C-alpha cells in the first residue's frame, strides 16, 4: 500500500467520524483540507529525509571508489617494489572499500524507486488538495446561499411576518373605509352644473310668470 493510499484511508476515516458527529459542513470541509495539507507536509518531509540519505550514500560511493582506486595504486606500487605482502594488504583494503561502495550503491538503488513513488504520491495529493479547495469554495457558496434562503423562509413563516401581514391587511381595510367615507359625502349631493341649470330654468319660469301677470293686468 502506497503512502497516498494510507492517507486516503486516513482521510476517509476522519471524514466518516466527522459525519457521524454531524458537525458544521464548513468546519468539516476546512478540517479535511487541513488534514490533507498536513499529510502532504509529512510526505514532503519524508521525501526530504530520503533525498538526504540518498545524497549521503552517493558521497559514500564516491569516497569508497576513490579509496579503492588509491589502494589499487598502492598494491601495484608494492608489487613493483617486490613487496607482495604489502600488495596483498592493499588489495584487502581495496576489497573493503569496494564492498562499502557496493553497499552504498545498493542503498541508493533501493531509495530511488521509493523516492519516485513518494514524489508521485505527493503530486497526486497536491492535486487532490487543489480539487478539494475548489469544491470547498463551491460548497461554501452553496452553503451561504442555502442559509440565506433558509433565513428568508423562516422569516416568511415567522409569527412576526404573519402579524405584519395582518396589520397591513387591516391598514388596507382602514384606507378602503376612509375612501368609502369620502365617496359617501358625494352621495345625494346635487351636481354643481345640475344646480346651475335648475336655477336657469327657474329664472325662465319666473320671467314668464311676471310677463303673464303684466299681460293680465293690462
Protein backbone atom coordinates (compact mmCIF):
# COMPACT_ATOMS: atom_id res chain seq x y z
CA UNK A 1 0.00 0.00 0.00
CA UNK A 2 1.44 3.38 -1.02
CA UNK A 3 1.53 6.43 1.21
CA UNK A 4 -1.24 8.05 -0.84
CA UNK A 5 -3.48 5.04 -0.18
CA UNK A 6 -2.76 5.21 3.53
CA UNK A 7 -3.50 8.94 3.52
CA UNK A 8 -6.77 8.39 1.64
CA UNK A 9 -7.81 5.73 4.15
CA UNK A 10 -6.97 8.10 6.99
CA UNK A 11 -8.94 10.95 5.46
CA UNK A 12 -11.93 8.69 4.77
CA UNK A 13 -11.90 7.53 8.37
CA UNK A 14 -11.73 11.10 9.67
CA UNK A 15 -14.47 12.20 7.27
CA UNK A 16 -16.75 9.40 8.44
CA UNK A 17 -16.06 10.38 12.03
CA UNK A 18 -16.96 14.00 11.28
CA UNK A 19 -20.14 12.93 9.52
CA UNK A 20 -21.10 10.76 12.48
CA UNK A 21 -20.72 13.81 14.72
CA UNK A 22 -22.94 15.83 12.33
CA UNK A 23 -20.63 18.83 12.56
CA UNK A 24 -20.87 22.08 10.63
CA UNK A 25 -20.21 21.32 6.91
CA UNK A 26 -17.96 24.37 6.63
CA UNK A 27 -15.82 23.23 9.55
CA UNK A 28 -15.76 19.70 8.14
CA UNK A 29 -14.50 20.89 4.74
CA UNK A 30 -11.89 23.16 6.29
CA UNK A 31 -10.67 20.41 8.60
CA UNK A 32 -10.49 17.90 5.75
CA UNK A 33 -8.35 20.23 3.64
CA UNK A 34 -6.15 20.97 6.65
CA UNK A 35 -5.64 17.24 7.26
CA UNK A 36 -4.65 16.71 3.63
CA UNK A 37 -2.21 19.62 3.77
CA UNK A 38 -0.64 18.15 6.91
CA UNK A 39 -0.39 14.79 5.16
CA UNK A 40 1.29 16.49 2.19
CA UNK A 41 3.71 18.20 4.54
CA UNK A 42 4.57 14.83 6.13
CA UNK A 43 5.00 13.34 2.68
CA UNK A 44 7.44 16.09 1.70
CA UNK A 45 9.32 15.75 4.98
CA UNK A 46 9.74 12.03 4.38
CA UNK A 47 10.88 12.70 0.83
CA UNK A 48 13.44 15.23 2.08
CA UNK A 49 14.81 12.67 4.55
CA UNK A 50 15.12 10.04 1.81
CA UNK A 51 16.84 12.50 -0.51
CA UNK A 52 19.28 13.34 2.28
CA UNK A 53 20.00 9.63 2.82
CA UNK A 54 20.49 9.18 -0.91
CA UNK A 55 22.97 12.05 -1.09
CA UNK A 56 24.91 10.67 1.88
CA UNK A 57 25.02 7.26 0.22
CA UNK A 58 26.19 8.86 -3.03
CA UNK A 59 29.06 10.55 -1.20
CA UNK A 60 29.93 7.21 0.42
CA UNK A 61 30.05 5.58 -3.02
CA UNK A 62 32.32 8.29 -4.35
CA UNK A 63 34.61 8.18 -1.30
CA UNK A 64 34.78 4.37 -1.30
CA UNK A 65 35.53 4.23 -5.03
CA UNK A 66 38.21 6.86 -4.61
CA UNK A 67 39.73 4.92 -1.71
CA UNK A 68 39.57 1.67 -3.70
CA UNK A 69 41.43 3.34 -6.56
CA UNK A 70 44.06 4.58 -4.12
CA UNK A 71 44.55 1.10 -2.62
CA UNK A 72 44.80 -0.34 -6.14
CA UNK A 73 47.64 2.07 -6.89
CA UNK A 74 49.35 1.16 -3.62
CA UNK A 75 49.08 -2.55 -4.42
CA UNK A 76 50.65 -2.00 -7.83
CA UNK A 77 53.40 0.12 -6.31
CA UNK A 78 54.11 -2.55 -3.67
CA UNK A 79 54.45 -5.25 -6.33
CA UNK A 80 56.85 -3.04 -8.24
CA UNK A 81 58.94 -2.90 -5.08
CA UNK A 82 58.70 -6.65 -4.65
CA UNK A 83 56.54 -6.36 -1.56
CA UNK A 84 53.83 -8.89 -2.27
CA UNK A 85 52.74 -8.83 1.36
CA UNK A 86 52.04 -5.11 1.18
CA UNK A 87 50.32 -5.58 -2.16
CA UNK A 88 48.04 -8.24 -0.65
CA UNK A 89 47.24 -5.97 2.30
CA UNK A 90 46.46 -3.10 -0.08
CA UNK A 91 44.18 -5.32 -2.13
CA UNK A 92 42.35 -6.37 1.03
CA UNK A 93 41.77 -2.70 1.84
CA UNK A 94 40.62 -2.15 -1.71
CA UNK A 95 38.17 -5.03 -1.39
CA UNK A 96 36.74 -3.50 1.79
CA UNK A 97 36.25 -0.12 0.10
CA UNK A 98 34.68 -1.80 -2.92
CA UNK A 99 32.20 -3.57 -0.66
CA UNK A 100 31.39 -0.24 1.02
CA UNK A 101 30.75 1.32 -2.37
CA UNK A 102 28.51 -1.58 -3.37
CA UNK A 103 26.52 -1.36 -0.14
CA UNK A 104 26.07 2.40 -0.53
CA UNK A 105 25.08 1.96 -4.18
CA UNK A 106 22.54 -0.69 -3.18
CA UNK A 107 21.06 1.77 -0.71
CA UNK A 108 20.79 4.36 -3.49
CA UNK A 109 19.15 1.80 -5.76
CA UNK A 110 16.66 0.94 -3.02
CA UNK A 111 15.87 4.59 -2.28
CA UNK A 112 15.38 5.67 -5.90
CA UNK A 113 12.07 3.87 -6.62
CA UNK A 114 10.79 4.78 -3.16
CA UNK A 115 11.55 8.43 -3.84
CA UNK A 116 9.94 8.29 -7.27
CA UNK A 117 6.80 6.74 -5.79
CA UNK A 118 6.75 9.24 -2.95
CA UNK A 119 7.11 12.11 -5.40
CA UNK A 120 4.22 10.76 -7.49
CA UNK A 121 2.09 10.38 -4.36
CA UNK A 122 2.89 13.95 -3.31
CA UNK A 123 1.84 15.22 -6.75
CA UNK A 124 -1.44 13.29 -6.53
CA UNK A 125 -2.05 14.59 -3.03
CA UNK A 126 -1.36 18.16 -4.13
CA UNK A 127 -3.83 17.73 -6.99
CA UNK A 128 -6.46 16.34 -4.62
CA UNK A 129 -5.96 19.28 -2.26
CA UNK A 130 -6.47 21.76 -5.10
CA UNK A 131 -9.61 19.91 -6.21
CA UNK A 132 -10.97 19.83 -2.67
CA UNK A 133 -10.25 23.53 -2.18
CA UNK A 134 -12.19 24.32 -5.35
CA UNK A 135 -15.04 22.09 -4.17
CA UNK A 136 -14.85 23.69 -0.73
CA UNK A 137 -15.30 27.17 -2.21
CA UNK A 138 -18.24 25.99 -4.33
CA UNK A 139 -19.78 24.21 -1.36
CA UNK A 140 -19.37 27.26 0.88
CA UNK A 141 -21.09 29.42 -1.73
CA UNK A 142 -23.95 26.92 -1.83
CA UNK A 143 -23.99 26.81 1.96
CA UNK A 144 -24.23 30.60 2.23
CA UNK A 145 -26.98 30.66 -0.38
CA UNK A 146 -28.80 27.91 1.49
CA UNK A 147 -28.51 29.79 4.77
CA UNK A 148 -29.84 32.95 3.14
CA UNK A 149 -32.79 31.07 1.64
CA UNK A 150 -33.48 29.40 4.97
CA UNK A 151 -33.46 32.77 6.72
CA UNK A 152 -35.95 34.12 4.18
CA UNK A 153 -38.17 31.06 4.54
CA UNK A 154 -38.06 31.29 8.31
CA UNK A 155 -38.88 35.00 8.15
CA UNK A 156 -41.82 34.41 5.82
CA UNK A 157 -43.18 31.71 8.11
CA UNK A 158 -42.50 33.54 11.36
CA UNK A 159 -45.17 34.93 13.68
CA UNK A 160 -43.76 38.43 13.15
CA UNK A 161 -44.33 38.17 9.40
CA UNK A 162 -47.88 36.88 9.90
CA UNK A 163 -48.52 39.69 12.37
CA UNK A 164 -47.11 42.27 9.96
CA UNK A 165 -49.27 40.87 7.16
CA UNK A 166 -52.37 41.07 9.32
CA UNK A 167 -51.54 44.65 10.29
CA UNK A 168 -51.00 45.58 6.66
CA UNK A 169 -54.33 44.00 5.69
CA UNK A 170 -56.00 45.93 8.49
CA UNK A 171 -54.37 49.13 7.26
CA UNK A 172 -55.67 48.46 3.75
CA UNK A 173 -59.17 47.98 5.15
CA UNK A 174 -58.92 51.28 7.02
CA UNK A 175 -57.82 53.06 3.85
CA UNK A 176 -60.72 51.46 1.96
CA UNK A 177 -63.17 52.58 4.66
CA UNK A 178 -61.76 56.11 4.50
CA UNK A 179 -62.13 56.18 0.73
CA UNK A 180 -65.68 54.88 1.02
CA UNK A 181 -66.47 57.54 3.61
CA UNK A 182 -65.15 60.25 1.30
CA UNK A 183 -67.24 58.91 -1.56
CA UNK A 184 -70.32 58.78 0.67
CA UNK A 185 -70.24 62.55 1.06
CA UNK A 186 -70.91 62.87 -2.65
CA UNK A 187 -73.99 60.65 -2.46
CA UNK A 188 -77.25 62.71 -2.51
CA UNK A 189 -75.38 65.93 -3.25
CA UNK A 190 -76.59 67.61 -6.49
CA UNK A 191 -74.08 68.24 -9.11
CA UNK A 192 -72.95 71.89 -9.39
CA UNK A 193 -73.79 72.11 -13.07
CA UNK A 194 -77.12 70.50 -12.45
CA UNK A 195 -77.93 73.13 -9.83
CA UNK A 196 -76.91 75.86 -12.24
CA UNK A 197 -79.23 74.51 -14.95
CA UNK A 198 -82.07 74.18 -12.46
CA UNK A 199 -81.62 77.81 -11.39
CA UNK A 200 -81.68 78.94 -15.03
CA UNK A 201 -84.91 77.05 -15.65
CA UNK A 202 -86.45 78.53 -12.52
CA UNK A 203 -85.45 82.01 -13.64
CA UNK A 204 -87.12 81.47 -17.00
CA UNK A 205 -90.29 80.35 -15.26
CA UNK A 206 -90.19 83.42 -13.01
CA UNK A 207 -89.73 85.67 -16.05
CA UNK A 208 -92.62 84.07 -17.91
CA UNK A 209 -94.81 84.29 -14.82
CA UNK A 210 -94.06 88.01 -14.48
CA UNK A 211 -94.88 88.59 -18.13
CA UNK A 212 -98.12 86.70 -17.76
CA UNK A 213 -99.13 88.78 -14.73
CA UNK A 214 -98.33 92.00 -16.57
CA UNK A 215 -100.38 90.93 -19.58
CA UNK A 216 -103.40 90.05 -17.50
CA UNK A 217 -103.18 93.29 -15.56
CA UNK A 218 -103.37 95.36 -18.70
